[in-house]
Protein backbone atom coordinates (compact mmCIF):
# COMPACT_ATOMS: atom_id res chain seq x y z
CA MET A 1 0.00 0.00 0.00
CA VAL A 2 2.87 2.43 0.83
CA ARG A 3 4.37 1.70 -2.60
CA ASN A 4 1.05 2.54 -4.32
CA ILE A 5 0.69 5.80 -2.41
CA SER A 6 4.32 6.74 -3.21
CA PHE A 7 3.77 6.08 -6.92
CA PHE A 8 0.57 8.13 -6.85
CA LEU A 9 2.29 11.12 -5.17
CA ILE A 10 5.28 10.99 -7.54
CA PHE A 11 2.88 10.99 -10.49
CA CYS A 12 1.04 14.05 -9.08
CA PHE A 13 4.23 16.04 -8.48
CA THR A 14 5.61 15.14 -11.92
CA MET A 15 2.45 16.35 -13.64
CA LEU A 16 2.37 19.53 -11.55
CA SER A 17 6.01 20.41 -12.28
CA GLU A 18 5.43 20.08 -16.03
CA GLN A 19 2.54 22.56 -15.79
CA GLY A 20 4.51 25.15 -13.77
CA SER A 21 3.97 28.09 -16.16
CA ALA A 22 0.37 27.22 -17.07
CA GLN A 23 -2.85 28.94 -16.10
CA VAL A 24 -4.11 28.04 -12.62
CA VAL A 25 -7.82 27.80 -11.77
CA ILE A 26 -9.07 26.95 -8.25
CA LYS A 27 -12.40 25.07 -8.32
CA PRO A 28 -14.26 24.65 -5.00
CA SER A 29 -17.32 22.42 -5.43
CA ALA A 30 -19.99 20.27 -3.83
CA GLY A 31 -22.10 17.45 -5.19
CA ILE A 32 -23.82 14.13 -4.85
CA ASN A 33 -22.75 10.56 -5.59
CA PHE A 34 -24.36 7.18 -6.15
CA THR A 35 -22.37 4.04 -5.24
CA ASP A 36 -23.03 0.34 -5.59
CA PHE A 37 -20.87 -2.79 -5.46
CA SER A 38 -19.75 -5.28 -8.10
CA LYS A 39 -20.71 -8.51 -6.33
CA ASP A 40 -24.07 -10.01 -7.27
CA PRO A 41 -25.14 -12.02 -4.22
CA ASN A 42 -27.59 -14.91 -4.65
CA THR A 43 -29.76 -13.81 -1.73
CA GLY A 44 -30.34 -10.15 -2.57
CA LYS A 45 -29.11 -7.12 -4.48
CA TYR A 46 -27.22 -3.87 -3.98
CA LYS A 47 -28.99 -0.57 -4.55
CA ALA A 48 -27.18 2.76 -4.80
CA ARG A 49 -28.33 5.48 -2.41
CA VAL A 50 -27.53 9.19 -2.49
CA GLY A 51 -24.24 10.25 -0.93
CA TYR A 52 -22.49 13.61 -1.02
CA GLN A 53 -19.05 15.24 -1.32
CA LEU A 54 -17.45 18.58 -0.59
CA GLY A 55 -14.01 19.77 -1.66
CA GLY A 56 -12.19 21.20 -4.61
CA THR A 57 -9.59 20.88 -7.32
CA VAL A 58 -6.87 22.98 -8.94
CA ALA A 59 -6.73 22.96 -12.76
CA LEU A 60 -3.29 23.63 -14.27
CA GLY A 61 -3.03 24.17 -18.01
CA LYS A 62 -4.89 25.54 -21.00
CA LYS A 63 -6.16 23.27 -23.80
CA VAL A 64 -4.77 20.21 -22.03
CA TYR A 65 -4.77 20.41 -18.24
CA VAL A 66 -3.91 18.48 -15.09
CA GLU A 67 -6.37 18.69 -12.19
CA PRO A 68 -5.54 17.26 -8.74
CA GLY A 69 -8.13 17.58 -5.99
CA ILE A 70 -9.31 16.53 -2.56
CA PHE A 71 -12.86 15.80 -1.35
CA TRP A 72 -14.47 14.66 1.86
CA LEU A 73 -17.31 12.35 0.94
CA LYS A 74 -19.93 9.93 2.17
CA LYS A 75 -20.92 6.95 0.00
CA SER A 76 -24.15 5.10 0.71
CA THR A 77 -25.38 1.73 -0.59
CA GLU A 78 -28.16 -0.59 0.58
CA TYR A 79 -28.13 -4.37 0.44
CA ILE A 80 -31.71 -5.55 -0.03
CA SER A 81 -32.13 -9.16 1.10
CA GLU A 82 -34.52 -11.52 -0.67
CA VAL A 83 -34.39 -13.95 2.28
CA SER A 84 -37.31 -13.45 4.67
CA ASN A 85 -35.32 -13.79 7.94
CA GLN A 86 -32.45 -11.49 6.87
CA ASN A 87 -32.46 -7.74 7.42
CA ASP A 88 -31.46 -5.19 4.79
CA VAL A 89 -28.06 -3.60 5.42
CA LYS A 90 -27.02 0.00 4.70
CA TYR A 91 -23.36 0.64 3.92
CA ASP A 92 -22.48 4.24 4.83
CA ILE A 93 -18.80 4.76 4.15
CA SER A 94 -17.04 8.11 4.71
CA GLY A 95 -13.57 9.14 3.70
CA ILE A 96 -11.25 11.36 1.72
CA ARG A 97 -11.07 11.03 -2.07
CA ILE A 98 -7.97 12.32 -3.87
CA PRO A 99 -8.51 12.39 -7.65
CA VAL A 100 -5.94 13.42 -10.26
CA ALA A 101 -7.40 14.05 -13.73
CA ILE A 102 -5.93 14.85 -17.11
CA GLY A 103 -8.41 16.81 -19.22
CA PHE A 104 -8.91 18.29 -22.66
CA ASN A 105 -11.05 21.28 -23.64
CA LEU A 106 -13.21 19.96 -26.51
CA LEU A 107 -15.03 23.22 -27.24
CA GLY A 108 -13.74 26.62 -26.16
CA ASN A 109 -10.74 27.27 -23.99
CA GLU A 110 -9.89 28.68 -20.55
CA LYS A 111 -10.98 32.21 -21.63
CA SER A 112 -14.22 31.26 -23.44
CA PRO A 113 -17.55 32.11 -21.75
CA ILE A 114 -18.71 28.53 -22.46
CA SER A 115 -16.52 25.46 -22.81
CA LEU A 116 -17.00 21.70 -22.86
CA ARG A 117 -14.29 19.38 -21.63
CA ALA A 118 -13.56 15.68 -21.14
CA PHE A 119 -11.29 14.21 -18.50
CA GLY A 120 -10.10 10.98 -16.94
CA GLY A 121 -7.67 9.86 -14.31
CA ALA A 122 -6.96 7.91 -11.15
CA SER A 123 -8.02 8.38 -7.55
CA ALA A 124 -7.27 7.20 -4.05
CA PHE A 125 -9.96 6.78 -1.38
CA LEU A 126 -8.88 6.86 2.28
CA LEU A 127 -11.48 5.42 4.65
CA THR A 128 -12.28 7.42 7.79
CA SER A 129 -15.51 5.79 9.09
CA VAL A 130 -18.10 3.10 8.42
CA LYS A 131 -21.60 3.31 9.89
CA ASP A 132 -23.29 0.21 11.36
CA LEU A 133 -20.46 -2.12 10.24
CA ASP A 134 -17.01 -2.99 11.60
CA LYS A 135 -14.42 -0.58 10.16
CA ASP A 136 -11.72 -3.25 10.60
CA ASP A 137 -13.43 -5.35 7.89
CA PHE A 138 -12.72 -2.64 5.28
CA LYS A 139 -9.47 -1.59 3.63
CA PHE A 140 -8.06 1.80 4.63
CA ALA A 141 -7.07 2.74 1.05
CA SER A 142 -8.63 1.82 -2.28
CA TRP A 143 -7.75 2.86 -5.82
CA GLY A 144 -9.90 3.73 -8.80
CA LEU A 145 -10.03 4.95 -12.39
CA PHE A 146 -12.59 7.49 -13.61
CA ALA A 147 -13.77 9.30 -16.73
CA GLY A 148 -16.14 12.24 -17.13
CA ALA A 149 -17.19 15.46 -18.80
CA GLY A 150 -17.69 19.03 -17.64
CA LEU A 151 -19.39 22.21 -18.78
CA ASP A 152 -18.04 25.66 -17.88
CA ILE A 153 -20.29 28.74 -18.13
CA THR A 154 -18.29 31.84 -17.19
CA ILE A 155 -17.24 31.20 -13.57
CA ILE A 156 -19.76 28.37 -12.91
CA PHE A 157 -19.08 24.73 -13.78
CA ALA A 158 -20.88 21.40 -13.61
CA GLU A 159 -19.38 17.99 -14.21
CA ALA A 160 -20.15 14.31 -13.97
CA SER A 161 -17.77 11.36 -13.74
CA TYR A 162 -18.01 7.60 -13.34
CA GLU A 163 -15.44 5.72 -11.26
CA TRP A 164 -14.50 2.04 -11.23
CA SER A 165 -12.53 0.90 -8.18
CA LEU A 166 -9.52 -1.30 -8.86
CA THR A 167 -9.47 -2.84 -5.39
CA ASN A 168 -12.01 -4.61 -3.20
CA VAL A 169 -13.62 -2.47 -0.51
CA GLN A 170 -13.29 -5.12 2.20
CA LYS A 171 -10.25 -7.02 3.44
CA ASP A 172 -11.79 -10.53 3.53
CA ILE A 173 -13.83 -11.16 0.38
CA SER A 174 -15.54 -14.24 1.82
CA GLN A 175 -16.74 -12.39 4.93
CA ILE A 176 -18.67 -9.36 3.59
CA ASN A 177 -18.73 -10.13 -0.15
CA VAL A 178 -19.31 -6.65 -1.58
CA GLY A 179 -16.43 -6.57 -4.08
CA ASN A 180 -15.39 -3.41 -5.91
CA SER A 181 -17.32 -0.16 -5.76
CA ARG A 182 -18.71 1.75 -8.73
CA SER A 183 -19.60 5.42 -8.24
CA LEU A 184 -21.24 8.20 -10.21
CA PHE A 185 -20.13 11.69 -9.06
CA ILE A 186 -21.99 14.90 -9.96
CA ASN A 187 -20.38 18.20 -8.90
CA ALA A 188 -21.05 21.91 -9.34
CA GLY A 189 -18.97 24.86 -8.25
CA VAL A 190 -17.16 28.03 -9.22
CA ARG A 191 -13.96 28.64 -11.19
CA ILE A 192 -11.49 31.12 -9.67
CA PRO A 193 -8.62 31.94 -12.08
CA LEU A 194 -5.35 33.06 -10.47
């Protein structure tokens, strides 16, 4: 895990140093997310519930840009049992998400009143709490890949991205059996050029 975090940080600093003379835009934002799990249990199903996030990113570049960020978020999923004597279980997982995206302005540029962009990248999720379940059953860090699109209108922006986790959420697959997470993130915020 330490090796993965080191690689991730080296990648971030390398991308930032290459963009040293580029335009800088600070982007505080808030949004909602929907998360479910990859396992398909025989005795029920997973259903995504609404979660939320709050944080921001810093975009560095013009036509092509690098955008690291940090968000505090809560993910929520419900396991609905089809067995009559089993209760439904809600998975409320909170933590810090650190995404790093590489993006491209498809229409417009950093000075246009309206622009459309596409982006993708990698993220780390650091677990801080789990509600109604044992936190020790879950991994502290998980890794993911994401892709998305954004729309900028003057200083306001909105964006959506879909993330696939590369690692299982829990430590012991046979014990909880939820597998990898899949999340849809929708954010809106303001763009503050420096």
